[in-house]
Amino acid sequence: MRIYLDSRDLILLVEKLSLVETANFEERLRRENSKLIYSLNNITECCAPLINGGVNSCVMKTLNRLEQMPHLFIADARIEALELQEAASAFLEHREYTPIVQPFVPRFDYVLSAFYEPPTKNFIGYGLAHMVFELWNTNRSLLIGYPNHAKQLRAILEADRRKLDFKQHESNFPNTIARNLRLYNIPFPIEQVGELAKWIYGTPSRCPALRLGYEVFHKILRNLTDSGEDSDIPDFAHISCVPYVDSITLDNRMRGYVAQVDQSIGSNFSQKVYRNVEAIQELF
């Protein structure tokens, strides 16, 4: 079983539960051949003490304990690109979409270098804590960027809500596909983009992370009381991992949006979504 815990639950697991409780959870993982899934987002959120001027040893201890757990890394930044590349190929080859398997990578430096092999690939014994602190000393923007990104999200929400057609998200889907094809440099006949978008949109299992993210964003967009908080970027960023894990913890707000998406498009993403680590433990 692949288990994705958001940062709140990762911190609870290794910092706030007793040593015995944490050891029992780890033993259950090993017994069931299950692994925790670490992404750029849930790992960097665990580094908040660095951002807030806290004690480095606290972060070091947390990261070292997480690395001891059975785990896999997911390069979440590459997921939508891989999905769209597969969809474009399948569409042009007149075959069904094949689920991607490549988002999982061996180490955190491969997560950071999502689209190419990291320059540190030949480093032996390059631990998670070492990588994070080296990143903090060389390019800490990856660890502290969410408040600024949240401002950008709020600006996007405000701009989109001013558009007369902002509720017509299905008809706007081809624009997203066209933009992402350009973003990821995926060659595709421009005159067939609309047909590709319609084909992807017809089945939730085609480009599931891209589709889920698109639908959740538009649920947020329609909820005029949701203005976008600073925490929204990391919470929203976890969404792309939902199709590639067996269970995931999300906050109340995101769980609600995922459930709404299931009701709208007939998917079953919410069956993987849990409230907290205690609910996850009941699966064992």
Protein backbone atom coordinates (compact mmCIF):
# COMPACT_ATOMS: atom_id res chain seq x y z
CA MET A 1 0.00 0.00 0.00
CA ARG A 2 1.27 3.46 -0.91
CA ILE A 3 0.34 5.92 1.84
CA TYR A 4 0.67 9.68 1.37
CA LEU A 5 0.51 11.69 4.58
CA ASP A 6 0.36 15.46 4.41
CA SER A 7 2.96 17.35 6.43
CA ARG A 8 0.66 17.72 9.44
CA ASP A 9 0.41 13.94 9.74
CA LEU A 10 4.08 13.27 8.96
CA ILE A 11 5.04 15.62 11.80
CA LEU A 12 2.47 14.02 14.09
CA LEU A 13 3.84 10.58 13.24
CA VAL A 14 7.49 11.27 14.05
CA GLU A 15 7.36 14.19 16.51
CA LYS A 16 4.17 14.03 18.54
CA LEU A 17 3.25 10.38 18.85
CA SER A 18 5.13 8.39 21.44
CA LEU A 19 8.19 6.42 20.40
CA VAL A 20 6.19 3.23 20.87
CA GLU A 21 3.28 4.47 18.71
CA THR A 22 5.63 5.54 15.93
CA ALA A 23 7.52 2.25 16.10
CA ASN A 24 4.22 0.34 15.94
CA PHE A 25 3.18 2.29 12.85
CA GLU A 26 6.52 1.56 11.20
CA GLU A 27 6.21 -2.12 12.07
CA ARG A 28 2.75 -2.21 10.49
CA LEU A 29 4.13 -0.64 7.33
CA ARG A 30 6.84 -3.27 7.07
CA ARG A 31 4.51 -6.14 7.90
CA GLU A 32 2.03 -5.10 5.19
CA ASN A 33 4.79 -4.24 2.69
CA SER A 34 3.48 -0.66 2.66
CA LYS A 35 5.40 2.55 2.08
CA LEU A 36 4.99 6.21 2.91
CA ILE A 37 5.09 8.50 -0.12
CA TYR A 38 7.19 11.66 0.13
CA SER A 39 6.79 14.56 -2.29
CA LEU A 40 8.38 17.96 -2.64
CA ASN A 41 5.40 19.45 -0.85
CA ASN A 42 4.98 17.24 2.20
CA ILE A 43 8.74 17.18 2.83
CA THR A 44 9.35 20.92 2.45
CA GLU A 45 6.35 21.69 4.66
CA CYS A 46 8.06 19.67 7.38
CA CYS A 47 10.88 22.22 7.17
CA ALA A 48 8.78 25.11 8.50
CA PRO A 49 11.07 25.55 11.55
CA LEU A 50 13.86 26.52 9.15
CA ILE A 51 11.65 29.12 7.52
CA ASN A 52 10.48 30.47 10.87
CA GLY A 53 13.98 30.68 12.32
CA GLY A 54 13.67 27.57 14.44
CA VAL A 55 16.32 25.11 15.53
CA ASN A 56 17.90 23.18 12.67
CA SER A 57 18.34 20.05 14.79
CA CYS A 58 14.55 19.69 15.07
CA VAL A 59 14.20 19.50 11.29
CA MET A 60 17.22 17.20 11.02
CA LYS A 61 15.69 14.80 13.56
CA THR A 62 12.34 14.78 11.74
CA LEU A 63 13.88 14.15 8.33
CA ASN A 64 16.17 11.43 9.62
CA ARG A 65 13.24 9.64 11.27
CA LEU A 66 11.15 9.90 8.09
CA GLU A 67 14.01 8.42 6.09
CA GLN A 68 14.05 5.41 8.40
CA MET A 69 10.43 4.64 7.53
CA PRO A 70 9.67 2.43 4.50
CA HIS A 71 9.13 5.01 1.77
CA LEU A 72 9.10 6.03 -1.87
CA PHE A 73 9.54 9.48 -3.40
CA ILE A 74 7.10 10.87 -5.94
CA ALA A 75 8.21 13.53 -8.43
CA ASP A 76 4.84 15.27 -8.37
CA ALA A 77 6.05 18.12 -10.60
CA ARG A 78 6.35 15.72 -13.55
CA ILE A 79 2.99 13.98 -13.21
CA GLU A 80 0.84 16.23 -15.40
CA ALA A 81 3.53 16.38 -18.09
CA LEU A 82 3.81 12.58 -18.19
CA GLU A 83 0.04 12.19 -18.28
CA LEU A 84 -0.39 14.68 -21.10
CA GLN A 85 2.45 13.14 -23.12
CA GLU A 86 0.83 9.72 -22.81
CA ALA A 87 -2.60 11.12 -23.71
CA ALA A 88 -1.24 12.90 -26.79
CA SER A 89 0.52 9.72 -27.95
CA ALA A 90 -2.50 7.49 -27.27
CA PHE A 91 -4.85 9.87 -29.09
CA LEU A 92 -2.66 10.10 -32.19
CA GLU A 93 -2.09 6.32 -32.19
CA HIS A 94 -5.83 5.59 -31.80
CA ARG A 95 -5.38 3.53 -28.67
CA GLU A 96 -6.55 3.76 -25.07
CA TYR A 97 -4.69 5.81 -22.49
CA THR A 98 -2.15 3.80 -20.47
CA PRO A 99 -1.67 4.87 -16.81
CA ILE A 100 1.77 6.30 -16.19
CA VAL A 101 4.18 4.59 -13.78
CA GLN A 102 7.15 6.95 -13.86
CA PRO A 103 6.34 9.49 -11.12
CA PHE A 104 8.15 7.44 -8.47
CA VAL A 105 11.87 8.14 -8.09
CA PRO A 106 14.62 6.74 -5.84
CA ARG A 107 15.67 9.85 -3.87
CA PHE A 108 14.64 13.39 -2.99
CA ASP A 109 17.18 14.93 -5.37
CA TYR A 110 15.27 13.26 -8.22
CA VAL A 111 12.12 14.96 -6.93
CA LEU A 112 13.88 18.32 -7.09
CA SER A 113 15.17 17.57 -10.62
CA ALA A 114 11.80 16.34 -11.81
CA PHE A 115 12.48 16.39 -15.56
CA TYR A 116 16.12 15.30 -15.68
CA GLU A 117 18.64 13.31 -13.70
CA PRO A 118 20.08 15.33 -10.83
CA PRO A 119 23.75 16.31 -10.89
CA THR A 120 24.04 14.54 -7.53
CA LYS A 121 22.86 11.18 -8.88
CA ASN A 122 26.22 9.51 -8.24
CA PHE A 123 26.47 10.71 -4.63
CA ILE A 124 26.49 7.72 -2.30
CA GLY A 125 24.77 7.99 1.07
CA TYR A 126 23.18 11.30 0.16
CA GLY A 127 20.52 11.42 2.87
CA LEU A 128 17.26 13.36 2.95
CA ALA A 129 18.33 15.73 5.73
CA HIS A 130 21.64 16.44 3.97
CA MET A 131 19.80 17.30 0.75
CA VAL A 132 17.36 19.63 2.50
CA PHE A 133 20.03 21.56 4.37
CA GLU A 134 22.17 21.83 1.27
CA LEU A 135 19.12 23.18 -0.54
CA TRP A 136 18.49 25.62 2.32
CA ASN A 137 22.01 26.95 1.98
CA THR A 138 21.95 27.25 -1.82
CA ASN A 139 18.37 27.75 -3.06
CA ARG A 140 16.01 28.23 -0.15
CA SER A 141 13.29 29.69 -2.41
CA LEU A 142 11.97 26.14 -2.87
CA LEU A 143 11.28 26.02 0.86
CA ILE A 144 9.81 29.48 1.43
CA GLY A 145 7.85 30.26 -1.72
CA TYR A 146 4.30 29.34 -0.70
CA PRO A 147 3.15 32.68 0.78
CA ASN A 148 4.04 34.44 -2.48
CA HIS A 149 2.46 31.66 -4.50
CA ALA A 150 -0.73 31.98 -2.43
CA LYS A 151 -0.89 35.65 -3.42
CA GLN A 152 -0.65 34.57 -7.05
CA LEU A 153 -3.43 32.02 -6.50
CA ARG A 154 -5.68 34.70 -5.04
CA ALA A 155 -4.95 36.96 -8.01
CA ILE A 156 -5.80 34.13 -10.44
CA LEU A 157 -9.05 33.40 -8.61
CA GLU A 158 -10.03 37.06 -8.65
CA ALA A 159 -9.21 37.44 -12.35
CA ASP A 160 -11.03 34.24 -13.35
CA ARG A 161 -14.12 35.16 -11.32
CA ARG A 162 -14.38 38.41 -13.24
CA LYS A 163 -14.77 36.47 -16.50
CA LEU A 164 -18.34 35.98 -17.66
CA ASP A 165 -17.75 32.31 -18.49
CA PHE A 166 -15.85 31.30 -15.33
CA LYS A 167 -18.50 28.68 -14.47
CA GLN A 168 -18.22 27.01 -17.88
CA HIS A 169 -15.24 24.93 -16.95
CA GLU A 170 -15.86 22.08 -19.41
CA SER A 171 -15.81 24.42 -22.40
CA ASN A 172 -12.62 26.02 -21.05
CA PHE A 173 -10.79 22.68 -20.70
CA PRO A 174 -9.29 22.82 -24.24
CA ASN A 175 -7.58 26.09 -23.27
CA THR A 176 -5.89 24.31 -20.36
CA ILE A 177 -4.78 21.44 -22.58
CA ALA A 178 -3.40 23.83 -25.21
CA ARG A 179 -1.54 25.82 -22.57
CA ASN A 180 -0.05 22.70 -20.95
CA LEU A 181 1.06 21.26 -24.29
CA ARG A 182 3.04 24.46 -24.81
CA LEU A 183 4.27 24.52 -21.21
CA TYR A 184 5.68 20.99 -21.39
CA ASN A 185 6.89 21.29 -25.00
CA ILE A 186 4.75 18.38 -26.15
CA PRO A 187 4.41 18.43 -29.96
CA PHE A 188 0.80 18.04 -31.09
CA PRO A 189 -1.20 19.18 -34.14
CA ILE A 190 -2.80 22.44 -33.09
CA GLU A 191 -5.92 21.77 -35.12
CA GLN A 192 -6.60 18.60 -33.07
CA VAL A 193 -6.18 20.10 -29.59
CA GLY A 194 -9.93 20.50 -29.14
CA GLU A 195 -10.53 16.84 -30.04
CA LEU A 196 -7.76 15.74 -27.67
CA ALA A 197 -9.27 17.78 -24.83
CA LYS A 198 -12.72 16.31 -25.47
CA TRP A 199 -11.24 12.79 -25.49
CA ILE A 200 -9.39 13.35 -22.20
CA TYR A 201 -12.43 14.95 -20.59
CA GLY A 202 -14.64 12.04 -21.60
CA THR A 203 -13.08 9.62 -19.08
CA PRO A 204 -11.73 10.56 -15.61
CA SER A 205 -9.08 7.83 -15.81
CA ARG A 206 -7.35 9.67 -18.66
CA CYS A 207 -4.84 12.14 -17.20
CA PRO A 208 -6.36 11.63 -13.73
CA ALA A 209 -4.11 14.06 -11.85
CA LEU A 210 -4.55 16.79 -14.45
CA ARG A 211 -8.32 16.24 -14.49
CA LEU A 212 -8.68 16.13 -10.71
CA GLY A 213 -6.61 19.28 -10.28
CA TYR A 214 -8.65 21.05 -12.95
CA GLU A 215 -11.94 20.06 -11.36
CA VAL A 216 -10.86 20.96 -7.80
CA PHE A 217 -9.61 24.36 -8.96
CA HIS A 218 -12.96 25.07 -10.55
CA LYS A 219 -14.81 23.94 -7.43
CA ILE A 220 -12.74 26.52 -5.55
CA LEU A 221 -13.43 29.07 -8.26
CA ARG A 222 -17.20 28.58 -7.95
CA ASN A 223 -17.05 28.92 -4.15
CA LEU A 224 -16.98 32.70 -3.90
CA THR A 225 -16.41 32.53 -0.14
CA ASP A 226 -13.09 30.73 -0.74
CA SER A 227 -10.59 33.50 -1.36
CA GLY A 228 -7.44 31.39 -1.13
CA GLU A 229 -5.40 31.22 2.06
CA ASP A 230 -1.62 31.02 2.38
CA SER A 231 -1.91 27.30 3.09
CA ASP A 232 -3.90 26.64 -0.10
CA ILE A 233 -0.91 26.13 -2.41
CA PRO A 234 0.58 23.14 -0.56
CA ASP A 235 -2.89 21.74 0.17
CA PHE A 236 -3.82 22.00 -3.51
CA ALA A 237 -0.41 20.65 -4.58
CA HIS A 238 -1.08 17.34 -2.81
CA ILE A 239 -4.05 16.77 -5.15
CA SER A 240 -1.87 15.61 -8.07
CA CYS A 241 -0.67 12.65 -6.00
CA VAL A 242 -4.15 11.27 -5.23
CA PRO A 243 -4.42 9.01 -8.34
CA TYR A 244 -1.00 7.47 -7.68
CA VAL A 245 -1.37 6.39 -4.06
CA ASP A 246 -3.68 3.99 -2.26
CA SER A 247 -4.52 6.36 0.57
CA ILE A 248 -3.83 10.01 1.34
CA THR A 249 -4.61 12.46 4.14
CA LEU A 250 -5.96 15.90 3.19
CA ASP A 251 -7.42 18.74 5.20
CA ASN A 252 -11.20 19.13 5.58
CA ARG A 253 -11.45 21.67 2.79
CA MET A 254 -9.64 19.63 0.15
CA ARG A 255 -11.45 16.44 1.16
CA GLY A 256 -14.71 18.27 0.58
CA TYR A 257 -13.68 19.48 -2.85
CA VAL A 258 -12.51 16.00 -3.92
CA ALA A 259 -15.86 14.56 -2.82
CA GLN A 260 -17.65 17.21 -4.87
CA VAL A 261 -15.58 16.27 -7.91
CA ASP A 262 -16.57 12.62 -7.52
CA GLN A 263 -20.23 13.61 -7.47
CA SER A 264 -19.80 15.78 -10.57
CA ILE A 265 -17.82 13.48 -12.88
CA GLY A 266 -18.47 9.99 -11.51
CA SER A 267 -14.93 9.36 -10.29
CA ASN A 268 -13.96 7.65 -7.02
CA PHE A 269 -10.96 9.70 -5.91
CA SER A 270 -12.48 10.41 -2.48
CA GLN A 271 -12.35 6.72 -1.59
CA LYS A 272 -8.59 7.16 -1.12
CA VAL A 273 -8.84 10.30 0.99
CA TYR A 274 -8.69 10.16 4.81
CA ARG A 275 -8.94 12.66 7.62
CA ASN A 276 -5.73 11.94 9.53
CA VAL A 277 -3.07 9.40 10.38
CA GLU A 278 -5.35 7.73 12.93
CA ALA A 279 -7.83 6.91 10.14
CA ILE A 280 -4.97 5.51 8.06
CA GLN A 281 -3.93 3.21 10.90
CA GLU A 282 -7.35 1.59 10.82
CA LEU A 283 -6.55 0.26 7.34
CA PHE A 284 -3.94 -2.13 8.73
